[in-house]
Protein backbone atom coordinates (compact mmCIF):
# COMPACT_ATOMS: atom_id res chain seq x y z
CA MET A 1 5.47 -26.77 -15.66
CA SER A 2 2.05 -25.15 -15.51
CA THR A 3 1.49 -21.42 -15.26
CA ALA A 4 -0.80 -19.44 -13.04
CA ASN A 5 -3.80 -17.44 -14.27
CA PRO A 6 -3.14 -14.80 -16.98
CA LEU A 7 -3.17 -11.99 -14.40
CA SER A 8 0.06 -13.26 -12.87
CA PRO A 9 3.53 -13.86 -14.34
CA ILE A 10 4.20 -16.51 -11.70
CA THR A 11 5.03 -19.97 -12.97
CA PHE A 12 3.68 -22.81 -10.86
CA SER A 13 5.28 -26.19 -10.44
CA ASP A 14 3.13 -29.25 -11.17
CA ASP A 15 2.06 -29.74 -7.57
CA GLN A 16 1.27 -26.03 -7.13
CA ALA A 17 -0.71 -26.05 -10.37
CA GLN A 18 -2.65 -29.09 -9.16
CA ALA A 19 -3.39 -27.36 -5.86
CA HIS A 20 -4.44 -24.18 -7.69
CA ASP A 21 -6.79 -26.23 -9.87
CA ARG A 22 -8.29 -27.99 -6.84
CA VAL A 23 -9.01 -24.70 -5.06
CA SER A 24 -10.34 -23.22 -8.32
CA GLU A 25 -12.65 -26.20 -8.70
CA MET A 26 -13.97 -25.69 -5.18
CA LEU A 27 -14.54 -21.97 -5.82
CA ARG A 28 -16.21 -22.69 -9.16
CA ALA A 29 -18.72 -24.90 -7.37
CA ALA A 30 -19.37 -21.92 -5.08
CA GLY A 31 -20.03 -19.63 -8.07
CA VAL A 32 -16.61 -17.96 -8.47
CA ASP A 33 -14.84 -19.02 -11.69
CA LEU A 34 -11.23 -17.82 -11.74
CA ASP A 35 -10.69 -18.97 -15.33
CA SER A 36 -13.66 -17.20 -16.95
CA GLY A 37 -13.88 -14.29 -14.53
CA ILE A 38 -17.51 -15.12 -13.68
CA CYS A 39 -18.51 -14.22 -10.13
CA LEU A 40 -22.08 -15.27 -9.35
CA PRO A 41 -24.00 -14.14 -6.23
CA ALA A 42 -23.57 -16.38 -3.22
CA LYS A 43 -26.30 -18.92 -2.55
CA ASP A 44 -27.06 -21.34 0.23
CA SER A 45 -25.31 -24.63 -0.35
CA ASP A 46 -23.37 -27.33 1.42
CA ALA A 47 -20.27 -26.20 3.29
CA ARG A 48 -16.95 -26.78 1.54
CA VAL A 49 -13.71 -27.31 3.45
CA MET A 50 -10.33 -28.04 1.90
CA ALA A 51 -6.85 -28.34 3.44
CA LEU A 52 -3.77 -27.42 1.42
CA MET A 53 -0.73 -28.65 3.30
CA GLY A 54 3.00 -28.46 2.81
CA LYS A 55 6.24 -28.14 4.71
CA ALA A 56 8.32 -24.97 4.91
CA GLY A 57 9.40 -23.73 1.48
CA SER A 58 6.80 -25.73 -0.46
CA GLY A 59 5.11 -22.61 -1.85
CA LYS A 60 1.95 -22.41 0.29
CA THR A 61 2.25 -18.66 0.83
CA LEU A 62 2.93 -17.97 -2.85
CA LEU A 63 -0.12 -20.02 -3.82
CA LEU A 64 -2.28 -18.27 -1.22
CA SER A 65 -1.10 -14.87 -2.46
CA GLU A 66 -1.84 -15.67 -6.10
CA LEU A 67 -5.31 -17.00 -5.26
CA VAL A 68 -6.06 -13.80 -3.32
CA LYS A 69 -4.97 -11.68 -6.31
CA ALA A 70 -7.14 -13.72 -8.67
CA LEU A 71 -10.21 -13.48 -6.44
CA GLU A 72 -9.77 -9.72 -6.02
CA ALA A 73 -9.42 -9.32 -9.80
CA ASN A 74 -12.72 -11.20 -10.15
CA GLY A 75 -14.47 -8.61 -8.02
CA VAL A 76 -14.42 -10.48 -4.71
CA GLU A 77 -14.25 -7.97 -1.82
CA ILE A 78 -11.45 -8.40 0.72
CA VAL A 79 -12.70 -8.23 4.32
CA SER A 80 -9.96 -6.96 6.64
CA GLY A 81 -11.68 -7.10 10.02
CA ASP A 82 -10.78 -3.44 10.62
CA TYR A 83 -13.84 -2.00 8.90
CA GLU A 84 -16.55 -3.41 6.64
CA SER A 85 -18.44 -1.22 4.21
CA LYS A 86 -22.15 -1.63 3.56
CA ARG A 87 -21.95 -3.85 0.51
CA ALA A 88 -24.62 -5.36 -1.67
CA ARG A 89 -26.17 -8.52 -0.26
CA ASP A 90 -25.00 -10.57 -3.23
CA ALA A 91 -21.38 -9.34 -3.09
CA ARG A 92 -18.76 -12.06 -2.76
CA THR A 93 -16.22 -11.70 0.05
CA LEU A 94 -12.85 -13.13 1.03
CA ALA A 95 -11.05 -12.97 4.38
CA VAL A 96 -7.44 -14.11 4.82
CA LEU A 97 -6.93 -15.21 8.41
CA ALA A 98 -4.22 -16.32 10.81
CA PRO A 99 -4.56 -17.58 14.40
CA THR A 100 -2.27 -14.89 15.88
CA ASN A 101 -1.37 -11.29 15.16
CA LYS A 102 2.26 -12.34 14.66
CA ALA A 103 1.29 -14.84 11.96
CA ALA A 104 -0.99 -12.29 10.29
CA SER A 105 1.79 -9.68 10.26
CA VAL A 106 4.15 -12.15 8.51
CA LEU A 107 1.58 -12.43 5.70
CA ARG A 108 1.01 -8.67 5.55
CA MET A 109 4.76 -8.10 5.14
CA ARG A 110 4.50 -10.34 2.05
CA GLY A 111 1.68 -8.24 0.60
CA VAL A 112 -1.23 -10.46 1.64
CA PRO A 113 -4.07 -8.50 3.38
CA ALA A 114 -4.36 -10.80 6.39
CA THR A 115 -6.13 -10.32 9.71
CA THR A 116 -6.61 -12.42 12.83
CA ILE A 117 -9.40 -14.89 13.43
CA HIS A 118 -10.47 -12.87 16.47
CA ARG A 119 -10.89 -9.75 14.33
CA ILE A 120 -13.28 -11.62 12.03
CA ILE A 121 -15.33 -13.33 14.73
CA TYR A 122 -15.67 -10.05 16.66
CA THR A 123 -16.31 -6.98 14.50
CA PRO A 124 -15.70 -3.36 15.56
CA VAL A 125 -18.57 -0.92 16.07
CA TYR A 126 -17.59 2.53 14.73
CA ASP A 127 -18.71 5.90 16.00
CA PRO A 128 -21.19 7.15 13.31
CA GLU A 129 -19.33 10.45 12.81
CA TYR A 130 -15.91 8.89 12.26
CA GLU A 131 -17.41 6.09 10.20
CA LYS A 132 -17.87 8.74 7.49
CA VAL A 133 -14.08 8.86 7.21
CA ALA A 134 -13.93 5.08 6.91
CA VAL A 135 -16.61 5.12 4.18
CA TRP A 136 -14.66 7.77 2.27
CA LEU A 137 -11.35 5.91 2.57
CA ASP A 138 -13.14 2.77 1.39
CA GLY A 139 -14.02 4.61 -1.85
CA MET A 140 -17.73 4.91 -1.14
CA GLY A 141 -18.15 8.71 -0.93
CA ASP A 142 -16.61 12.17 -0.82
CA ALA A 143 -14.29 13.49 1.85
CA PRO A 144 -16.42 14.31 4.92
CA GLU A 145 -16.48 17.52 6.92
CA ILE A 146 -15.96 16.65 10.59
CA GLU A 147 -15.35 19.09 13.38
CA GLY A 148 -11.86 18.66 14.78
CA LEU A 149 -10.53 16.91 11.65
CA PRO A 150 -9.10 19.57 9.29
CA GLU A 151 -8.24 18.88 5.68
CA GLU A 152 -4.59 18.21 6.50
CA ALA A 153 -5.64 15.51 9.01
CA LEU A 154 -7.79 13.84 6.36
CA ALA A 155 -4.89 14.06 3.93
CA ARG A 156 -2.66 12.24 6.44
CA ALA A 157 -5.35 9.58 6.84
CA GLN A 158 -5.62 9.13 3.08
CA ALA A 159 -1.85 8.88 2.64
CA SER A 160 -1.63 6.28 5.41
CA PHE A 161 -4.49 4.24 3.93
CA GLU A 162 -2.85 4.17 0.49
CA ILE A 163 0.25 2.60 2.08
CA HIS A 164 -1.18 0.30 4.74
CA LYS A 165 -4.80 -0.31 3.60
CA SER A 166 -5.78 -0.12 7.28
CA ILE A 167 -8.69 2.06 8.44
CA PRO A 168 -7.51 2.16 12.12
CA ALA A 169 -3.97 3.10 11.05
CA ALA A 170 -5.37 5.85 8.80
CA LEU A 171 -7.54 7.27 11.58
CA ALA A 172 -4.56 7.12 13.95
CA ALA A 173 -2.53 9.09 11.37
CA ALA A 174 -5.29 11.72 11.48
CA GLY A 175 -4.68 12.09 15.21
CA LEU A 176 -7.45 9.86 16.58
CA ARG A 177 -7.16 7.16 19.21
CA GLY A 178 -8.82 3.76 18.92
CA SER A 179 -11.41 4.63 21.57
CA ASP A 180 -12.37 7.77 19.58
CA PHE A 181 -13.69 5.84 16.60
CA ILE A 182 -14.34 2.30 17.89
CA THR A 183 -17.09 2.23 20.49
CA GLY A 184 -17.11 -1.53 21.07
CA TRP A 185 -17.00 -5.01 19.59
CA LYS A 186 -19.76 -7.45 18.74
CA ARG A 187 -19.74 -11.09 17.73
CA ARG A 188 -20.38 -11.43 14.03
CA GLU A 189 -24.00 -12.22 13.28
CA GLU A 190 -23.93 -12.48 9.49
CA PRO A 191 -21.82 -15.15 7.80
CA LEU A 192 -19.14 -14.25 5.29
CA ASP A 193 -18.24 -16.17 2.15
CA ILE A 194 -14.71 -17.44 1.41
CA GLY A 195 -12.08 -17.88 4.11
CA PHE A 196 -8.37 -18.67 3.65
CA VAL A 197 -6.68 -19.65 6.93
CA ASP A 198 -2.89 -19.63 7.13
CA GLU A 199 -0.92 -21.43 9.89
CA SER A 200 -3.94 -23.70 10.36
CA SER A 201 -1.80 -26.20 12.28
CA MET A 202 -2.24 -23.76 15.20
CA LEU A 203 -6.06 -23.91 15.10
CA ASP A 204 -7.85 -25.54 17.99
CA GLU A 205 -11.16 -27.33 17.52
CA LYS A 206 -13.25 -24.45 18.91
CA GLN A 207 -11.70 -21.96 16.47
CA PHE A 208 -12.32 -24.39 13.61
CA GLU A 209 -15.98 -24.73 14.61
CA ASP A 210 -16.36 -20.94 14.78
CA LEU A 211 -14.82 -20.55 11.32
CA GLN A 212 -17.12 -23.18 9.83
CA GLU A 213 -20.12 -21.24 11.16
CA ILE A 214 -18.90 -18.06 9.43
CA PHE A 215 -17.44 -19.36 6.14
CA PRO A 216 -19.33 -21.80 3.89
CA ASN A 217 -16.15 -21.98 1.77
CA LEU A 218 -13.02 -22.58 3.83
CA VAL A 219 -9.46 -23.37 2.69
CA LEU A 220 -6.88 -24.27 5.35
CA PHE A 221 -3.18 -23.70 4.62
CA GLY A 222 -0.98 -25.56 7.07
CA ASP A 223 2.26 -27.37 7.80
CA PRO A 224 1.69 -30.95 9.01
CA ALA A 225 5.19 -31.10 10.54
CA GLN A 226 4.61 -28.34 13.07
CA LEU A 227 3.50 -28.70 16.68
CA ALA A 228 -0.19 -29.29 17.33
CA PRO A 229 -2.09 -27.00 19.74
CA VAL A 230 -1.65 -27.84 23.40
CA GLY A 231 -4.37 -30.19 24.64
CA GLN A 232 -5.19 -31.79 21.29
CA SER A 233 -3.11 -34.96 21.71
CA GLY A 234 -0.80 -34.08 18.83
CA THR A 235 -3.59 -33.83 16.23
CA MET A 236 -4.43 -30.89 13.99
CA VAL A 237 -7.85 -29.91 12.71
CA PHE A 238 -7.07 -30.94 9.13
CA ASP A 239 -6.11 -34.45 10.29
CA LYS A 240 -9.82 -35.23 10.70
CA LEU A 241 -10.78 -34.21 7.17
CA LYS A 242 -11.45 -36.80 4.48
CA GLU A 243 -8.57 -37.65 2.17
CA SER A 244 -10.56 -36.16 -0.74
CA GLN A 245 -10.51 -32.80 1.10
CA LYS A 246 -6.71 -32.71 1.51
CA LEU A 247 -3.82 -32.01 -0.82
CA GLU A 248 -0.15 -31.82 0.12
CA LEU A 249 2.62 -29.92 -1.65
CA HIS A 250 5.92 -31.80 -1.71
CA ARG A 251 8.32 -29.83 -3.84
CA VAL A 252 10.58 -27.30 -2.07
CA HIS A 253 10.67 -23.88 -3.76
CA ARG A 254 12.09 -21.29 -1.36
CA GLN A 255 15.30 -19.78 -2.80
CA GLU A 256 15.29 -22.44 -5.52
CA ALA A 257 15.91 -25.04 -2.81
CA ASP A 258 19.38 -23.52 -2.23
CA ASN A 259 18.70 -23.05 1.45
CA PRO A 260 20.66 -25.01 4.05
CA ILE A 261 18.13 -24.10 6.73
CA LEU A 262 15.36 -25.78 4.76
CA ASP A 263 17.65 -28.71 4.00
CA LEU A 264 18.00 -29.32 7.73
CA ALA A 265 14.27 -28.92 8.33
CA HIS A 266 13.36 -31.44 5.65
CA ALA A 267 16.05 -33.90 6.73
CA LEU A 268 14.08 -34.39 9.96
CA ALA A 269 11.47 -36.36 8.01
CA ASP A 270 13.91 -39.30 7.72
CA PRO A 271 12.66 -41.86 10.28
CA GLN A 272 16.18 -43.31 10.60
CA LEU A 273 17.73 -39.98 11.56
CA GLY A 274 18.72 -39.78 15.23
CA PHE A 275 19.61 -36.69 17.23
CA ASP A 276 23.39 -37.30 17.06
CA ASP A 277 23.19 -37.84 13.30
CA PHE A 278 21.24 -34.61 12.92
CA GLN A 279 23.71 -32.64 14.98
CA SER A 280 26.55 -34.01 12.82
CA MET A 281 24.60 -32.84 9.78
CA VAL A 282 24.35 -29.35 11.27
CA GLU A 283 28.11 -29.34 11.90
CA ASP A 284 28.84 -30.46 8.35
CA ILE A 285 26.61 -27.83 6.73
CA ALA A 286 28.00 -25.11 9.01
CA ARG A 287 31.50 -25.79 7.64
CA ARG A 288 30.28 -25.11 4.10
CA ASP A 289 27.64 -22.40 4.50
CA ASP A 290 27.65 -19.41 6.84
CA ARG A 291 23.84 -19.36 6.91
CA VAL A 292 24.10 -22.17 9.46
CA VAL A 293 26.29 -21.73 12.54
CA GLN A 294 27.07 -24.45 15.05
CA ALA A 295 27.52 -22.14 18.02
CA GLN A 296 29.40 -23.05 21.18
CA ARG A 297 27.43 -20.47 23.16
CA VAL A 298 24.34 -18.29 23.06
CA GLU A 299 25.12 -14.92 21.47
CA VAL A 300 23.75 -12.43 23.96
CA ASP A 301 23.73 -9.54 21.46
CA LEU A 302 21.19 -11.35 19.28
CA MET A 303 18.83 -11.97 22.22
CA ALA A 304 17.86 -8.30 22.41
CA ARG A 305 16.06 -8.49 19.04
CA SER A 306 15.28 -12.17 18.47
CA PRO A 307 14.71 -14.56 21.38
CA VAL A 308 16.54 -17.82 21.97
CA LEU A 309 14.14 -20.68 21.22
CA VAL A 310 13.92 -23.36 23.91
CA TRP A 311 11.74 -26.32 24.82
CA ARG A 312 11.71 -26.20 28.61
CA ASN A 313 10.28 -23.30 30.58
CA ALA A 314 13.07 -23.65 33.16
CA THR A 315 15.64 -23.11 30.39
CA ARG A 316 13.80 -20.01 29.23
CA ILE A 317 13.86 -18.48 32.72
CA ARG A 318 17.52 -19.40 33.26
CA LEU A 319 18.59 -17.77 29.98
CA ILE A 320 16.61 -14.62 30.73
CA ASP A 321 18.26 -14.37 34.15
CA ALA A 322 21.71 -14.82 32.57
CA PHE A 323 20.92 -12.20 29.91
CA ARG A 324 20.01 -9.63 32.57
CA ARG A 325 23.04 -10.45 34.76
CA VAL A 326 25.55 -10.18 31.93
CA HIS A 327 24.14 -6.72 31.11
CA GLY A 328 24.27 -5.67 34.75
CA ALA A 329 20.53 -5.06 34.89
CA PRO A 330 19.34 -4.19 38.42
CA GLU A 331 16.42 -6.09 39.91
CA THR A 332 14.56 -2.88 40.64
CA GLU A 333 14.28 -1.61 37.07
CA LEU A 334 14.62 -2.41 33.38
CA LEU A 335 17.39 -1.15 31.15
CA PRO A 336 16.48 0.64 27.89
CA GLY A 337 16.78 -1.92 25.08
CA GLU A 338 15.58 -4.94 27.07
CA PRO A 339 13.13 -7.09 25.04
CA LEU A 340 9.66 -7.88 26.38
CA ILE A 341 6.74 -10.05 25.28
CA CYS A 342 3.19 -8.79 25.89
CA ASP A 343 1.37 -11.36 28.03
CA GLY A 344 -2.06 -9.74 27.81
CA LEU A 345 -4.01 -6.82 29.24
CA GLU A 346 -5.12 -6.58 32.84
CA LEU A 347 -7.97 -4.09 32.63
CA PRO A 348 -11.46 -4.16 34.16
CA LEU A 349 -14.52 -3.73 31.97
CA LYS A 350 -14.92 -0.06 32.84
CA HIS A 351 -11.61 0.59 31.05
CA ARG A 352 -12.81 -0.89 27.76
CA LYS A 353 -11.73 2.22 25.85
CA LYS A 354 -8.19 1.94 27.19
CA ARG A 355 -8.10 -1.68 26.05
CA LEU A 356 -9.11 -0.57 22.57
CA ASP A 357 -6.36 2.04 22.55
CA LEU A 358 -3.71 -0.45 23.61
CA GLU A 359 -4.80 -3.13 21.14
CA ALA A 360 -5.02 -0.60 18.31
CA ARG A 361 -1.36 0.28 18.94
CA GLY A 362 -0.34 -3.39 18.71
CA LEU A 363 -0.15 -4.22 22.42
CA ILE A 364 -1.88 -7.59 22.21
CA LYS A 365 -0.83 -10.93 23.64
CA GLY A 366 2.35 -12.20 22.00
CA ALA A 367 3.51 -8.80 20.71
CA GLN A 368 7.29 -8.32 20.79
CA VAL A 369 8.28 -5.05 22.47
CA ILE A 370 11.51 -3.19 23.24
CA TYR A 371 11.63 -1.20 26.48
CA LEU A 372 12.75 2.40 25.85
CA GLY A 373 12.57 3.85 29.35
CA PRO A 374 10.16 4.90 32.10
CA GLY A 375 7.09 7.01 31.36
CA ARG A 376 6.34 10.30 33.05
CA LYS A 377 4.18 8.61 35.68
CA PRO A 378 5.12 5.78 38.02
CA GLY A 379 4.37 2.39 36.51
CA PHE A 380 4.39 3.58 32.89
CA SER A 381 6.82 2.58 30.17
CA LYS A 382 7.92 4.01 26.87
CA LEU A 383 7.85 1.11 24.41
CA HIS A 384 8.67 0.19 20.83
CA VAL A 385 6.15 -2.36 19.50
CA VAL A 386 8.01 -4.44 16.92
CA GLY A 387 6.17 -4.61 13.59
CA ALA A 388 3.51 -2.03 14.48
CA ILE A 389 2.71 0.68 11.95
CA GLU A 390 3.19 3.33 14.66
CA PRO A 391 5.62 1.50 16.98
CA GLN A 392 6.39 4.11 19.65
CA VAL A 393 3.94 4.21 22.55
CA SER A 394 3.78 4.90 26.28
CA ALA A 395 1.47 2.76 28.40
CA ALA A 396 0.68 1.57 31.88
CA SER A 397 2.78 -1.56 32.36
CA ILE A 398 3.03 -4.56 34.65
CA VAL A 399 6.42 -6.19 34.07
CA LYS A 400 7.06 -9.67 35.45
CA ILE A 401 10.63 -10.94 35.65
CA GLU A 402 10.72 -14.67 36.36
CA LYS A 403 13.64 -15.95 38.42
CA PRO A 404 15.18 -19.45 38.53
CA GLU A 405 13.83 -21.67 41.30
CA GLN A 406 11.32 -19.03 42.42
CA ALA A 407 7.61 -19.83 42.19
CA GLU A 408 6.48 -16.23 41.76
CA PRO A 409 7.89 -13.70 39.28
CA PHE A 410 9.71 -10.62 40.51
CA ILE A 411 7.90 -7.38 39.60
CA PRO A 412 10.35 -4.47 39.49
CA TYR A 413 7.50 -1.96 39.19
CA ALA A 414 3.91 -1.88 38.02
CA ALA A 415 0.83 0.19 37.51
CA ARG A 416 -2.34 -1.18 39.06
CA MET A 417 -3.61 -2.10 35.62
CA GLY A 418 -2.48 -2.07 32.00
CA ALA A 419 -0.41 -4.20 29.63
CA THR A 420 1.44 -7.10 31.25
CA PHE A 421 4.86 -8.21 30.02
CA LEU A 422 7.26 -11.11 30.41
CA HIS A 423 10.90 -10.83 29.46
CA GLY A 424 11.53 -11.59 25.80
CA ALA A 425 15.17 -12.68 25.61
CA ALA A 426 14.05 -16.32 25.33
CA VAL A 427 10.73 -17.96 24.41
CA THR A 428 9.46 -21.51 24.09
CA ILE A 429 9.29 -23.07 20.65
CA HIS A 430 5.52 -23.52 21.06
CA LYS A 431 5.10 -19.75 21.57
CA ALA A 432 7.35 -19.00 18.57
CA GLN A 433 5.03 -20.68 16.05
CA GLY A 434 3.75 -18.16 13.53
CA SER A 435 6.76 -15.83 14.04
CA GLN A 436 9.95 -15.41 12.05
CA TRP A 437 13.20 -13.55 12.64
CA GLU A 438 16.22 -12.84 10.46
CA ASN A 439 18.53 -14.67 12.90
CA VAL A 440 17.35 -17.48 15.17
CA GLN A 441 19.23 -19.24 17.96
CA VAL A 442 17.99 -22.73 18.86
CA PHE A 443 19.09 -24.12 22.21
CA ALA A 444 20.07 -27.66 21.21
CA PRO A 445 20.62 -29.06 24.77
CA ASP A 446 16.86 -28.75 25.31
CA LEU A 447 16.12 -30.76 22.18
CA PHE A 448 18.68 -33.36 23.24
CA ALA A 449 16.75 -33.69 26.52
CA ALA A 450 13.53 -34.24 24.57
CA ALA A 451 15.26 -36.88 22.43
CA ARG A 452 16.55 -38.76 25.48
CA MET A 453 13.05 -38.82 26.97
CA GLY A 454 11.80 -40.59 23.85
CA ARG A 455 8.55 -38.62 23.70
CA VAL A 456 6.43 -39.05 20.58
CA GLU A 457 3.75 -36.71 19.24
CA ALA A 458 1.38 -37.87 16.47
CA GLY A 459 3.79 -40.63 15.44
CA GLN A 460 6.82 -38.33 15.26
CA PRO A 461 9.58 -38.00 17.88
CA LEU A 462 8.88 -34.79 19.77
CA TRP A 463 12.44 -33.52 19.39
CA LYS A 464 12.06 -33.61 15.60
CA ARG A 465 8.84 -31.57 15.69
CA LEU A 466 10.46 -29.08 18.05
CA ALA A 467 13.57 -28.85 15.88
CA TYR A 468 11.51 -28.41 12.71
CA VAL A 469 9.45 -25.54 14.12
CA ALA A 470 12.48 -23.83 15.67
CA ILE A 471 14.63 -24.11 12.53
CA THR A 472 11.92 -22.79 10.21
CA ARG A 473 11.58 -19.58 12.28
CA ALA A 474 14.93 -18.44 10.80
CA GLN A 475 14.72 -16.31 7.66
CA SER A 476 18.43 -15.76 6.98
CA ARG A 477 20.68 -17.45 9.53
CA LEU A 478 20.35 -20.31 12.00
CA TYR A 479 22.49 -20.62 15.13
CA TRP A 480 22.42 -24.17 16.52
CA VAL A 481 23.69 -23.64 20.08
CA VAL A 482 25.31 -26.81 21.44
CA ARG A 483 26.66 -25.67 24.83
CA ASN A 484 25.08 -24.15 27.89
CA ARG A 485 27.14 -20.97 27.76
CA LEU A 486 26.42 -17.29 27.20
CA SER A 487 28.72 -14.83 25.41
CA LYS A 488 29.64 -11.45 26.82
CA PRO A 489 27.97 -8.50 25.10
CA ARG A 490 30.11 -6.71 22.52
CA ASP A 491 28.00 -3.59 22.93
CA GLY A 492 25.54 -2.55 25.57
CA LEU A 493 21.81 -2.64 25.02
CA ARG A 494 20.74 -0.02 22.51
CA VAL A 495 17.62 1.73 21.26
CA ASP A 496 19.16 4.13 18.73
CA ASP A 497 18.41 1.64 15.93
CA LEU A 498 14.66 1.91 16.54
CA ALA A 499 13.03 4.49 14.28
CA GLY A 500 10.74 7.20 15.57
CA THR A 501 10.16 8.84 18.91
CA PRO A 502 7.68 7.85 21.61
CA ALA A 503 4.13 9.00 20.95
CA PRO A 504 2.46 11.43 23.36
CA LEU A 505 1.48 9.72 26.58
CA ALA A 506 -2.16 9.60 25.51
CA LEU A 507 -2.59 6.04 26.69
CA GLU A 508 -1.77 6.74 30.30
CA MET A 509 -4.59 6.32 32.82
CA GLN A 510 -5.37 8.95 35.39
CA ASP A 511 -5.48 6.49 38.31
CA SER A 512 -2.03 4.94 38.03
CA ALA A 513 -0.37 3.61 41.14
CA ALA A 514 3.07 4.12 42.62
CA PRO A 515 5.78 1.50 42.06
CA LEU A 516 5.61 -1.64 44.13
């Protein structure tokens, strides 16, 4: 077994050590020597791209984390996408990226300072007065004196920054809104230096091209067994790289390989394994280990916090409708505790500042949200944004409830503009990529349908790719649902388990409309 660099007590396996050496070799050619601690100024040279691949549990995230620590210890500056200080022209930089906010938040929860690709391609423009606070928090000056920001507000900002390392979160803790300190966004003009991209199986070709324009040194971390982006014929961006640019980790590390969920995921690589054989394997493991459950029905109580994962859109809509009916939810309104998924923002250009406010509070496409109740104005909702630093918010909302066999969604109420939401009790496996939940329910009848159709994607039966992605979303327990049935709720929908109280209704627009 080989060990990591002296700064870390982590012990690498042979394949991790080989991968670490390969990345180190690439960085050394770029002027950053992790072994000697030498960090030379960046210089124009040929672009370097490397793909480090491995299935779930193979140690990709651990390796990424250790490389980030080593680069930071060598004096390489971490670029977050929230704010960039005026650094020396020869300073070396690193950005850790993910295709979606959900994927970036998974890394941040593991201590890796990740941001989204969008946040790196488009950089924020700060108000000059409030930028003084950002400069101070970044360690580049003394505490500023700003009218309207007393010492106690700056102290709150500093305390927040020490915990979260986020300039926007710190400024929000001081009582500012996103539109107070961010005046706009611009496409990045200057290139950066080193880029690490997690969940790179989700990258489309345009994103890959954009990243290559920004980063002369690019390392892709990805899982070759996941689903390729829609419209790319089952191929991923690292498939087109030369063999000399790719390295795959094979050993399973997570929980010392004592993980029945990972056992099931890796069993799918057997080309002789059919769907019935796999389902028998699930049943057998479930008898021996309570981390895997072969469920005879969908557990409705779990759906309020983690969605059922399905393949077909029709199944998703049917399960959502059943979830609402079993809770007695009226068509004309939502019940507190119902889960929602943000489907984007419907705001005209003149409301750019409101968009900034909403995005700063975590209301971006794909965000998981719990409905807390109506706002003080028609069309507004009190919401809990799952995973946000300040989760409680009230915002103009357009909620769309899709119904079985109906072409258009039912809209119980809506503002004229604001954040749009779909129901979140069930989501497609494609949309779940990059996310993880403690407990995950996989709707097996959908995967059986995919198996019967015989569809193949990139040489692999589609049902196996779907099953692999769905299974690996589970952190602690997997429910393999084999029957098209829904349990009755043991308790009603609840919100008392969500910390905090709704923030002041600062995000509400003055020109809201009455309910439809």
